[in-house]
PDB file of N, CA and C in Angstrom:
ATOM      1  N   MET A   1     -57.847 -38.691 -43.543  1.00  0.00           N
ATOM      2  CA  MET A   1     -57.156 -38.934 -42.137  1.00  0.00           C
ATOM      3  C   MET A   1     -55.624 -38.892 -42.200  1.00  0.00           C
ATOM      4  N   ARG A   2     -55.100 -39.315 -43.402  1.00  0.00           N
ATOM      5  CA  ARG A   2     -53.666 -39.422 -43.393  1.00  0.00           C
ATOM      6  C   ARG A   2     -53.080 -38.090 -43.487  1.00  0.00           C
ATOM      7  N   PHE A   3     -53.522 -37.132 -44.224  1.00  0.00           N
ATOM      8  CA  PHE A   3     -53.236 -35.663 -44.326  1.00  0.00           C
ATOM      9  C   PHE A   3     -53.343 -35.141 -43.011  1.00  0.00           C
ATOM     10  N   LYS A   4     -54.174 -35.374 -42.144  1.00  0.00           N
ATOM     11  CA  LYS A   4     -54.437 -34.691 -40.690  1.00  0.00           C
ATOM     12  C   LYS A   4     -53.389 -35.136 -39.950  1.00  0.00           C
ATOM     13  N   THR A   5     -52.985 -36.322 -40.003  1.00  0.00           N
ATOM     14  CA  THR A   5     -52.005 -36.923 -39.207  1.00  0.00           C
ATOM     15  C   THR A   5     -50.485 -36.414 -39.438  1.00  0.00           C
ATOM     16  N   THR A   6     -50.382 -36.232 -40.912  1.00  0.00           N
ATOM     17  CA  THR A   6     -49.141 -35.724 -41.291  1.00  0.00           C
ATOM     18  C   THR A   6     -49.180 -34.240 -40.968  1.00  0.00           C
ATOM     19  N   PHE A   7     -50.155 -33.441 -41.099  1.00  0.00           N
ATOM     20  CA  PHE A   7     -50.342 -32.132 -40.791  1.00  0.00           C
ATOM     21  C   PHE A   7     -49.969 -31.891 -39.161  1.00  0.00           C
ATOM     22  N   LEU A   8     -50.509 -32.588 -38.354  1.00  0.00           N
ATOM     23  CA  LEU A   8     -50.532 -32.509 -36.950  1.00  0.00           C
ATOM     24  C   LEU A   8     -49.007 -32.956 -36.492  1.00  0.00           C
ATOM     25  N   THR A   9     -48.407 -33.830 -37.161  1.00  0.00           N
ATOM     26  CA  THR A   9     -46.808 -34.297 -37.025  1.00  0.00           C
ATOM     27  C   THR A   9     -46.051 -33.074 -37.245  1.00  0.00           C
ATOM     28  N   ALA A  10     -46.360 -32.489 -38.264  1.00  0.00           N
ATOM     29  CA  ALA A  10     -45.472 -31.393 -38.813  1.00  0.00           C
ATOM     30  C   ALA A  10     -45.771 -30.109 -37.926  1.00  0.00           C
ATOM     31  N   CYS A  11     -46.808 -29.903 -37.533  1.00  0.00           N
ATOM     32  CA  CYS A  11     -47.026 -28.883 -36.446  1.00  0.00           C
ATOM     33  C   CYS A  11     -46.335 -28.877 -35.296  1.00  0.00           C
ATOM     34  N   MET A  12     -46.273 -30.290 -34.673  1.00  0.00           N
ATOM     35  CA  MET A  12     -45.723 -30.531 -33.519  1.00  0.00           C
ATOM     36  C   MET A  12     -44.170 -30.338 -33.495  1.00  0.00           C
ATOM     37  N   ALA A  13     -43.836 -30.776 -34.533  1.00  0.00           N
ATOM     38  CA  ALA A  13     -42.187 -30.703 -35.044  1.00  0.00           C
ATOM     39  C   ALA A  13     -42.001 -29.193 -35.091  1.00  0.00           C
ATOM     40  N   ALA A  14     -42.577 -28.622 -35.672  1.00  0.00           N
ATOM     41  CA  ALA A  14     -42.213 -27.113 -35.848  1.00  0.00           C
ATOM     42  C   ALA A  14     -42.303 -26.398 -34.495  1.00  0.00           C
ATOM     43  N   PHE A  15     -43.170 -26.492 -33.597  1.00  0.00           N
ATOM     44  CA  PHE A  15     -43.303 -26.041 -32.266  1.00  0.00           C
ATOM     45  C   PHE A  15     -42.017 -26.366 -31.514  1.00  0.00           C
ATOM     46  N   ALA A  16     -41.544 -27.723 -31.615  1.00  0.00           N
ATOM     47  CA  ALA A  16     -40.670 -28.294 -30.874  1.00  0.00           C
ATOM     48  C   ALA A  16     -39.192 -27.607 -31.211  1.00  0.00           C
ATOM     49  N   ALA A  17     -39.039 -27.615 -32.707  1.00  0.00           N
ATOM     50  CA  ALA A  17     -38.053 -26.864 -33.196  1.00  0.00           C
ATOM     51  C   ALA A  17     -37.611 -25.483 -32.786  1.00  0.00           C
ATOM     52  N   ALA A  18     -38.870 -24.834 -33.033  1.00  0.00           N
ATOM     53  CA  ALA A  18     -38.761 -23.377 -32.700  1.00  0.00           C
ATOM     54  C   ALA A  18     -38.488 -23.205 -31.219  1.00  0.00           C
ATOM     55  N   GLY A  19     -38.908 -23.906 -30.260  1.00  0.00           N
ATOM     56  CA  GLY A  19     -38.696 -23.625 -28.874  1.00  0.00           C
ATOM     57  C   GLY A  19     -37.099 -23.906 -28.524  1.00  0.00           C
ATOM     58  N   THR A  20     -36.673 -25.042 -29.184  1.00  0.00           N
ATOM     59  CA  THR A  20     -35.336 -25.558 -28.839  1.00  0.00           C
ATOM     60  C   THR A  20     -34.200 -24.662 -29.504  1.00  0.00           C
ATOM     61  N   ALA A  21     -34.489 -24.211 -30.753  1.00  0.00           N
ATOM     62  CA  ALA A  21     -33.708 -23.377 -31.390  1.00  0.00           C
ATOM     63  C   ALA A  21     -33.390 -22.020 -30.700  1.00  0.00           C
ATOM     64  N   SER A  22     -34.488 -21.278 -30.601  1.00  0.00           N
ATOM     65  CA  SER A  22     -34.295 -20.114 -29.876  1.00  0.00           C
ATOM     66  C   SER A  22     -33.816 -19.799 -28.424  1.00  0.00           C
ATOM     67  N   HIS A  23     -33.979 -20.746 -27.814  1.00  0.00           N
ATOM     68  CA  HIS A  23     -33.577 -20.846 -26.414  1.00  0.00           C
ATOM     69  C   HIS A  23     -32.798 -21.980 -26.004  1.00  0.00           C
ATOM     70  N   ALA A  24     -31.962 -22.291 -26.682  1.00  0.00           N
ATOM     71  CA  ALA A  24     -31.001 -23.584 -26.654  1.00  0.00           C
ATOM     72  C   ALA A  24     -30.886 -24.229 -25.244  1.00  0.00           C
ATOM     73  N   ASP A  25     -30.241 -23.703 -24.339  1.00  0.00           N
ATOM     74  CA  ASP A  25     -29.817 -24.244 -23.096  1.00  0.00           C
ATOM     75  C   ASP A  25     -30.602 -23.657 -21.796  1.00  0.00           C
ATOM     76  N   THR A  26     -31.313 -22.507 -21.985  1.00  0.00           N
ATOM     77  CA  THR A  26     -31.930 -22.062 -20.669  1.00  0.00           C
ATOM     78  C   THR A  26     -33.331 -22.091 -20.887  1.00  0.00           C
ATOM     79  N   TYR A  27     -33.961 -22.390 -21.857  1.00  0.00           N
ATOM     80  CA  TYR A  27     -35.474 -22.567 -21.790  1.00  0.00           C
ATOM     81  C   TYR A  27     -35.931 -23.905 -22.343  1.00  0.00           C
ATOM     82  N   PRO A  28     -36.727 -24.578 -21.747  1.00  0.00           N
ATOM     83  CA  PRO A  28     -37.426 -24.032 -20.262  1.00  0.00           C
ATOM     84  C   PRO A  28     -36.850 -24.614 -19.315  1.00  0.00           C
ATOM     85  N   SER A  29     -36.670 -23.946 -18.192  1.00  0.00           N
ATOM     86  CA  SER A  29     -35.970 -24.458 -16.800  1.00  0.00           C
ATOM     87  C   SER A  29     -36.878 -24.823 -15.792  1.00  0.00           C
ATOM     88  N   LYS A  30     -38.290 -24.751 -16.010  1.00  0.00           N
ATOM     89  CA  LYS A  30     -39.475 -25.247 -15.298  1.00  0.00           C
ATOM     90  C   LYS A  30     -40.620 -25.754 -16.065  1.00  0.00           C
ATOM     91  N   SER A  31     -41.549 -26.181 -15.743  1.00  0.00           N
ATOM     92  CA  SER A  31     -42.860 -26.745 -16.264  1.00  0.00           C
ATOM     93  C   SER A  31     -43.334 -25.472 -17.118  1.00  0.00           C
ATOM     94  N   VAL A  32     -43.797 -25.890 -18.302  1.00  0.00           N
ATOM     95  CA  VAL A  32     -44.632 -25.019 -19.259  1.00  0.00           C
ATOM     96  C   VAL A  32     -46.131 -25.317 -18.909  1.00  0.00           C
ATOM     97  N   ARG A  33     -46.913 -24.342 -19.235  1.00  0.00           N
ATOM     98  CA  ARG A  33     -48.349 -24.643 -18.977  1.00  0.00           C
ATOM     99  C   ARG A  33     -48.946 -24.319 -20.317  1.00  0.00           C
ATOM    100  N   ILE A  34     -49.800 -25.056 -20.852  1.00  0.00           N
ATOM    101  CA  ILE A  34     -50.697 -24.806 -21.920  1.00  0.00           C
ATOM    102  C   ILE A  34     -52.019 -24.550 -21.565  1.00  0.00           C
ATOM    103  N   VAL A  35     -52.614 -23.381 -21.813  1.00  0.00           N
ATOM    104  CA  VAL A  35     -53.957 -22.958 -21.350  1.00  0.00           C
ATOM    105  C   VAL A  35     -54.921 -23.360 -22.658  1.00  0.00           C
ATOM    106  N   VAL A  36     -55.866 -24.095 -22.515  1.00  0.00           N
ATOM    107  CA  VAL A  36     -56.766 -24.338 -23.553  1.00  0.00           C
ATOM    108  C   VAL A  36     -58.139 -23.671 -22.895  1.00  0.00           C
ATOM    109  N   PRO A  37     -58.649 -22.739 -23.577  1.00  0.00           N
ATOM    110  CA  PRO A  37     -59.812 -21.993 -23.099  1.00  0.00           C
ATOM    111  C   PRO A  37     -61.273 -22.618 -23.521  1.00  0.00           C
ATOM    112  N   TYR A  38     -61.045 -23.931 -23.694  1.00  0.00           N
ATOM    113  CA  TYR A  38     -62.324 -24.735 -23.780  1.00  0.00           C
ATOM    114  C   TYR A  38     -62.373 -25.921 -23.099  1.00  0.00           C
ATOM    115  N   ALA A  39     -63.486 -26.813 -23.088  1.00  0.00           N
ATOM    116  CA  ALA A  39     -63.718 -27.828 -22.144  1.00  0.00           C
ATOM    117  C   ALA A  39     -62.876 -28.853 -22.292  1.00  0.00           C
ATOM    118  N   THR A  40     -62.534 -29.889 -21.626  1.00  0.00           N
ATOM    119  CA  THR A  40     -61.845 -30.863 -21.345  1.00  0.00           C
ATOM    120  C   THR A  40     -62.445 -31.948 -22.356  1.00  0.00           C
ATOM    121  N   GLY A  41     -61.542 -32.636 -23.176  1.00  0.00           N
ATOM    122  CA  GLY A  41     -62.082 -33.609 -24.157  1.00  0.00           C
ATOM    123  C   GLY A  41     -62.516 -33.180 -25.558  1.00  0.00           C
ATOM    124  N   GLY A  42     -62.489 -31.883 -25.724  1.00  0.00           N
ATOM    125  CA  GLY A  42     -62.759 -31.480 -27.085  1.00  0.00           C
ATOM    126  C   GLY A  42     -61.477 -31.534 -27.976  1.00  0.00           C
ATOM    127  N   GLY A  43     -61.745 -31.118 -29.190  1.00  0.00           N
ATOM    128  CA  GLY A  43     -60.592 -31.200 -30.024  1.00  0.00           C
ATOM    129  C   GLY A  43     -59.401 -30.153 -29.708  1.00  0.00           C
ATOM    130  N   SER A  44     -59.409 -29.114 -29.103  1.00  0.00           N
ATOM    131  CA  SER A  44     -58.481 -28.242 -28.666  1.00  0.00           C
ATOM    132  C   SER A  44     -57.759 -28.953 -27.684  1.00  0.00           C
ATOM    133  N   ASP A  45     -58.484 -29.581 -26.764  1.00  0.00           N
ATOM    134  CA  ASP A  45     -57.851 -30.412 -25.601  1.00  0.00           C
ATOM    135  C   ASP A  45     -56.783 -31.505 -26.072  1.00  0.00           C
ATOM    136  N   ILE A  46     -57.531 -32.178 -26.967  1.00  0.00           N
ATOM    137  CA  ILE A  46     -56.907 -33.259 -27.478  1.00  0.00           C
ATOM    138  C   ILE A  46     -55.603 -32.787 -28.209  1.00  0.00           C
ATOM    139  N   LEU A  47     -55.715 -32.030 -29.032  1.00  0.00           N
ATOM    140  CA  LEU A  47     -54.537 -31.315 -29.726  1.00  0.00           C
ATOM    141  C   LEU A  47     -53.612 -30.867 -28.793  1.00  0.00           C
ATOM    142  N   ALA A  48     -53.805 -29.956 -27.808  1.00  0.00           N
ATOM    143  CA  ALA A  48     -52.899 -29.540 -26.807  1.00  0.00           C
ATOM    144  C   ALA A  48     -52.247 -30.581 -26.023  1.00  0.00           C
ATOM    145  N   ARG A  49     -52.949 -31.779 -25.805  1.00  0.00           N
ATOM    146  CA  ARG A  49     -52.107 -32.844 -24.969  1.00  0.00           C
ATOM    147  C   ARG A  49     -51.306 -33.389 -25.980  1.00  0.00           C
ATOM    148  N   GLN A  50     -51.592 -33.627 -27.303  1.00  0.00           N
ATOM    149  CA  GLN A  50     -50.474 -34.052 -28.084  1.00  0.00           C
ATOM    150  C   GLN A  50     -49.348 -33.412 -28.357  1.00  0.00           C
ATOM    151  N   ILE A  51     -49.656 -31.931 -28.527  1.00  0.00           N
ATOM    152  CA  ILE A  51     -48.370 -30.995 -28.603  1.00  0.00           C
ATOM    153  C   ILE A  51     -47.568 -31.023 -27.384  1.00  0.00           C
ATOM    154  N   GLY A  52     -48.327 -31.040 -26.130  1.00  0.00           N
ATOM    155  CA  GLY A  52     -47.542 -31.019 -24.849  1.00  0.00           C
ATOM    156  C   GLY A  52     -46.783 -32.317 -24.784  1.00  0.00           C
ATOM    157  N   ALA A  53     -47.185 -33.599 -25.179  1.00  0.00           N
ATOM    158  CA  ALA A  53     -46.480 -34.636 -25.018  1.00  0.00           C
ATOM    159  C   ALA A  53     -45.193 -34.767 -26.028  1.00  0.00           C
ATOM    160  N   VAL A  54     -45.137 -33.962 -27.039  1.00  0.00           N
ATOM    161  CA  VAL A  54     -44.054 -33.960 -27.812  1.00  0.00           C
ATOM    162  C   VAL A  54     -43.069 -33.069 -27.115  1.00  0.00           C
ATOM    163  N   LEU A  55     -43.619 -31.823 -26.721  1.00  0.00           N
ATOM    164  CA  LEU A  55     -42.646 -30.818 -26.172  1.00  0.00           C
ATOM    165  C   LEU A  55     -42.196 -31.274 -24.857  1.00  0.00           C
ATOM    166  N   GLN A  56     -42.755 -31.968 -23.943  1.00  0.00           N
ATOM    167  CA  GLN A  56     -42.196 -32.675 -23.023  1.00  0.00           C
ATOM    168  C   GLN A  56     -41.078 -33.539 -23.088  1.00  0.00           C
ATOM    169  N   GLN A  57     -41.341 -34.308 -24.045  1.00  0.00           N
ATOM    170  CA  GLN A  57     -40.301 -35.120 -24.806  1.00  0.00           C
ATOM    171  C   GLN A  57     -38.919 -34.531 -25.167  1.00  0.00           C
ATOM    172  N   THR A  58     -39.338 -33.519 -26.017  1.00  0.00           N
ATOM    173  CA  THR A  58     -38.314 -32.829 -26.704  1.00  0.00           C
ATOM    174  C   THR A  58     -37.419 -31.964 -25.552  1.00  0.00           C
ATOM    175  N   TRP A  59     -38.234 -31.242 -24.614  1.00  0.00           N
ATOM    176  CA  TRP A  59     -37.526 -30.334 -23.699  1.00  0.00           C
ATOM    177  C   TRP A  59     -37.031 -31.014 -22.484  1.00  0.00           C
ATOM    178  N   GLY A  60     -37.632 -32.064 -21.823  1.00  0.00           N
ATOM    179  CA  GLY A  60     -37.192 -32.689 -20.988  1.00  0.00           C
ATOM    180  C   GLY A  60     -37.970 -32.167 -19.487  1.00  0.00           C
ATOM    181  N   GLN A  61     -38.819 -31.284 -19.857  1.00  0.00           N
ATOM    182  CA  GLN A  61     -39.559 -30.323 -18.538  1.00  0.00           C
ATOM    183  C   GLN A  61     -41.041 -30.835 -18.889  1.00  0.00           C
ATOM    184  N   GLY A  62     -41.593 -30.789 -17.800  1.00  0.00           N
ATOM    185  CA  GLY A  62     -43.018 -31.047 -17.624  1.00  0.00           C
ATOM    186  C   GLY A  62     -43.967 -30.028 -18.473  1.00  0.00           C
ATOM    187  N   VAL A  63     -45.107 -30.462 -19.080  1.00  0.00           N
ATOM    188  CA  VAL A  63     -45.971 -29.528 -19.878  1.00  0.00           C
ATOM    189  C   VAL A  63     -47.320 -29.923 -19.451  1.00  0.00           C
ATOM    190  N   VAL A  64     -47.850 -28.878 -18.703  1.00  0.00           N
ATOM    191  CA  VAL A  64     -49.066 -29.174 -18.035  1.00  0.00           C
ATOM    192  C   VAL A  64     -50.414 -28.520 -19.075  1.00  0.00           C
ATOM    193  N   VAL A  65     -51.382 -29.212 -19.340  1.00  0.00           N
ATOM    194  CA  VAL A  65     -52.508 -28.688 -20.143  1.00  0.00           C
ATOM    195  C   VAL A  65     -53.478 -28.269 -19.191  1.00  0.00           C
ATOM    196  N   ASP A  66     -54.094 -26.953 -19.050  1.00  0.00           N
ATOM    197  CA  ASP A  66     -54.838 -26.376 -18.096  1.00  0.00           C
ATOM    198  C   ASP A  66     -56.084 -25.857 -19.100  1.00  0.00           C
ATOM    199  N   ASN A  67     -57.289 -26.588 -18.783  1.00  0.00           N
ATOM    200  CA  ASN A  67     -58.450 -26.199 -19.488  1.00  0.00           C
ATOM    201  C   ASN A  67     -59.276 -25.047 -18.677  1.00  0.00           C
ATOM    202  N   LYS A  68     -59.433 -23.934 -19.195  1.00  0.00           N
ATOM    203  CA  LYS A  68     -60.221 -22.900 -18.459  1.00  0.00           C
ATOM    204  C   LYS A  68     -61.324 -22.478 -19.443  1.00  0.00           C
ATOM    205  N   ALA A  69     -62.433 -23.197 -19.493  1.00  0.00           N
ATOM    206  CA  ALA A  69     -63.377 -23.178 -20.305  1.00  0.00           C
ATOM    207  C   ALA A  69     -64.417 -21.995 -19.831  1.00  0.00           C
ATOM    208  N   GLY A  70     -65.074 -21.241 -20.703  1.00  0.00           N
ATOM    209  CA  GLY A  70     -66.067 -20.226 -20.398  1.00  0.00           C
ATOM    210  C   GLY A  70     -66.056 -18.935 -21.263  1.00  0.00           C
ATOM    211  N   ALA A  71     -67.045 -18.336 -21.519  1.00  0.00           N
ATOM    212  CA  ALA A  71     -67.208 -17.030 -22.136  1.00  0.00           C
ATOM    213  C   ALA A  71     -66.674 -17.299 -23.545  1.00  0.00           C
ATOM    214  N   SER A  72     -66.934 -18.143 -24.051  1.00  0.00           N
ATOM    215  CA  SER A  72     -66.508 -18.306 -25.682  1.00  0.00           C
ATOM    216  C   SER A  72     -65.065 -18.208 -25.666  1.00  0.00           C
ATOM    217  N   GLY A  73     -64.228 -18.778 -24.725  1.00  0.00           N
ATOM    218  CA  GLY A  73     -62.824 -18.826 -24.726  1.00  0.00           C
ATOM    219  C   GLY A  73     -62.131 -17.617 -24.116  1.00  0.00           C
ATOM    220  N   ASN A  74     -62.981 -16.534 -23.726  1.00  0.00           N
ATOM    221  CA  ASN A  74     -62.280 -15.374 -23.122  1.00  0.00           C
ATOM    222  C   ASN A  74     -61.719 -15.595 -21.816  1.00  0.00           C
ATOM    223  N   ILE A  75     -62.303 -16.561 -20.874  1.00  0.00           N
ATOM    224  CA  ILE A  75     -61.759 -16.692 -19.588  1.00  0.00           C
ATOM    225  C   ILE A  75     -60.304 -17.302 -19.583  1.00  0.00           C
ATOM    226  N   GLY A  76     -60.036 -18.256 -20.442  1.00  0.00           N
ATOM    227  CA  GLY A  76     -58.765 -18.944 -20.497  1.00  0.00           C
ATOM    228  C   GLY A  76     -57.658 -17.655 -21.268  1.00  0.00           C
ATOM    229  N   SER A  77     -58.253 -17.117 -22.122  1.00  0.00           N
ATOM    230  CA  SER A  77     -57.397 -16.135 -22.880  1.00  0.00           C
ATOM    231  C   SER A  77     -57.017 -14.958 -21.928  1.00  0.00           C
ATOM    232  N   GLN A  78     -57.854 -14.433 -21.164  1.00  0.00           N
ATOM    233  CA  GLN A  78     -57.619 -13.404 -20.310  1.00  0.00           C
ATOM    234  C   GLN A  78     -56.581 -13.975 -19.299  1.00  0.00           C
ATOM    235  N   GLU A  79     -56.585 -15.140 -18.846  1.00  0.00           N
ATOM    236  CA  GLU A  79     -55.681 -15.808 -17.897  1.00  0.00           C
ATOM    237  C   GLU A  79     -54.310 -15.630 -18.526  1.00  0.00           C
ATOM    238  N   VAL A  80     -54.150 -15.996 -19.763  1.00  0.00           N
ATOM    239  CA  VAL A  80     -52.811 -16.002 -20.290  1.00  0.00           C
ATOM    240  C   VAL A  80     -52.433 -14.619 -20.572  1.00  0.00           C
ATOM    241  N   VAL A  81     -53.105 -13.586 -20.857  1.00  0.00           N
ATOM    242  CA  VAL A  81     -52.778 -12.271 -21.072  1.00  0.00           C
ATOM    243  C   VAL A  81     -52.414 -11.758 -19.724  1.00  0.00           C
ATOM    244  N   ARG A  82     -52.745 -12.181 -18.561  1.00  0.00           N
ATOM    245  CA  ARG A  82     -52.437 -11.691 -17.294  1.00  0.00           C
ATOM    246  C   ARG A  82     -51.160 -12.405 -16.765  1.00  0.00           C
ATOM    247  N   ALA A  83     -51.036 -13.533 -17.191  1.00  0.00           N
ATOM    248  CA  ALA A  83     -49.775 -14.348 -16.799  1.00  0.00           C
ATOM    249  C   ALA A  83     -48.354 -13.524 -17.174  1.00  0.00           C
ATOM    250  N   PRO A  84     -47.304 -13.811 -16.269  1.00  0.00           N
ATOM    251  CA  PRO A  84     -46.067 -13.274 -16.529  1.00  0.00           C
ATOM    252  C   PRO A  84     -45.607 -13.469 -18.009  1.00  0.00           C
ATOM    253  N   ALA A  85     -45.086 -12.572 -18.661  1.00  0.00           N
ATOM    254  CA  ALA A  85     -44.588 -12.579 -20.214  1.00  0.00           C
ATOM    255  C   ALA A  85     -43.245 -13.257 -20.164  1.00  0.00           C
ATOM    256  N   ASP A  86     -43.047 -14.463 -19.577  1.00  0.00           N
ATOM    257  CA  ASP A  86     -41.767 -15.195 -19.424  1.00  0.00           C
ATOM    258  C   ASP A  86     -41.767 -16.330 -20.254  1.00  0.00           C
ATOM    259  N   GLY A  87     -42.894 -16.528 -21.252  1.00  0.00           N
ATOM    260  CA  GLY A  87     -42.879 -17.853 -22.156  1.00  0.00           C
ATOM    261  C   GLY A  87     -43.441 -19.099 -21.461  1.00  0.00           C
ATOM    262  N   TYR A  88     -43.704 -19.172 -20.228  1.00  0.00           N
ATOM    263  CA  TYR A  88     -43.965 -20.559 -19.616  1.00  0.00           C
ATOM    264  C   TYR A  88     -45.508 -20.833 -19.589  1.00  0.00           C
ATOM    265  N   THR A  89     -46.338 -19.697 -20.030  1.00  0.00           N
ATOM    266  CA  THR A  89     -47.786 -19.848 -20.096  1.00  0.00           C
ATOM    267  C   THR A  89     -48.101 -19.708 -21.655  1.00  0.00           C
ATOM    268  N   LEU A  90     -48.663 -20.627 -22.312  1.00  0.00           N
ATOM    269  CA  LEU A  90     -49.004 -20.648 -23.804  1.00  0.00           C
ATOM    270  C   LEU A  90     -50.537 -20.834 -23.768  1.00  0.00           C
ATOM    271  N   LEU A  91     -51.044 -20.300 -24.982  1.00  0.00           N
ATOM    272  CA  LEU A  91     -52.320 -20.375 -25.379  1.00  0.00           C
ATOM    273  C   LEU A  91     -52.675 -21.136 -26.455  1.00  0.00           C
ATOM    274  N   LEU A  92     -53.517 -22.277 -26.270  1.00  0.00           N
ATOM    275  CA  LEU A  92     -53.832 -22.852 -27.680  1.00  0.00           C
ATOM    276  C   LEU A  92     -55.416 -22.446 -28.022  1.00  0.00           C
ATOM    277  N   GLN A  93     -55.380 -21.546 -28.909  1.00  0.00           N
ATOM    278  CA  GLN A  93     -56.570 -20.928 -29.412  1.00  0.00           C
ATOM    279  C   GLN A  93     -57.044 -21.559 -30.661  1.00  0.00           C
ATOM    280  N   ASN A  94     -58.323 -21.584 -31.020  1.00  0.00           N
ATOM    281  CA  ASN A  94     -58.779 -21.905 -32.393  1.00  0.00           C
ATOM    282  C   ASN A  94     -59.353 -20.816 -32.915  1.00  0.00           C
ATOM    283  N   SER A  95     -59.859 -21.061 -34.174  1.00  0.00           N
ATOM    284  CA  SER A  95     -60.306 -20.011 -35.201  1.00  0.00           C
ATOM    285  C   SER A  95     -61.728 -19.289 -34.811  1.00  0.00           C
ATOM    286  N   THR A  96     -62.304 -19.894 -33.879  1.00  0.00           N
ATOM    287  CA  THR A  96     -63.745 -19.228 -33.398  1.00  0.00           C
ATOM    288  C   THR A  96     -63.170 -17.936 -32.597  1.00  0.00           C
ATOM    289  N   MET A  97     -61.998 -17.812 -32.239  1.00  0.00           N
ATOM    290  CA  MET A  97     -61.686 -16.466 -31.584  1.00  0.00           C
ATOM    291  C   MET A  97     -61.697 -15.172 -32.272  1.00  0.00           C
ATOM    292  N   VAL A  98     -61.498 -15.615 -33.605  1.00  0.00           N
ATOM    293  CA  VAL A  98     -61.375 -14.343 -34.585  1.00  0.00           C
ATOM    294  C   VAL A  98     -62.714 -13.733 -34.462  1.00  0.00           C
ATOM    295  N   THR A  99     -63.784 -14.391 -34.635  1.00  0.00           N
ATOM    296  CA  THR A  99     -65.168 -13.868 -34.623  1.00  0.00           C
ATOM    297  C   THR A  99     -65.769 -13.396 -33.339  1.00  0.00           C
ATOM    298  N   ASN A 100     -64.917 -13.698 -32.047  1.00  0.00           N
ATOM    299  CA  ASN A 100     -65.412 -13.321 -30.867  1.00  0.00           C
ATOM    300  C   ASN A 100     -65.363 -11.930 -30.638  1.00  0.00           C
ATOM    301  N   LEU A 101     -66.376 -11.125 -30.328  1.00  0.00           N
ATOM    302  CA  LEU A 101     -66.350  -9.768 -30.047  1.00  0.00           C
ATOM    303  C   LEU A 101     -66.311  -9.527 -28.499  1.00  0.00           C
ATOM    304  N   GLY A 102     -66.477 -10.375 -27.745  1.00  0.00           N
ATOM    305  CA  GLY A 102     -66.737 -10.295 -26.313  1.00  0.00           C
ATOM    306  C   GLY A 102     -65.299 -10.104 -25.724  1.00  0.00           C
TER     307      GLY A 102
END
C-alpha cells in the first residue's frame, strides 16, 4: 500500500509539473475537464479526482471530472477525440483500452 501511495503522489506531481512548466503563465486560463470513460466510483474515477484536486490546487483553476461510461470506454474516448485540441479536455484511460478493438 505504501508503494501505491508513493507512486500515486509521484504521478500527480509529474502531471502538475509538466502542465506548469510548459505553459507557464497562459495555461490554464479556464477550467480543465478530465473525461473518465468509466462509471463513477471506480478506480479510474477515484484516481482522476485525486489528480484533479492536485492540478486544481497547482493551477488555481477548476478541474472537472466528467464520467462518460459505456461501450468499454469508447464513448468517453470519442468525446475527447472530438473536443477542440486546446488542452482543456483530458482523458484518463486505463490499460483495458489497449485490448479494446471496438
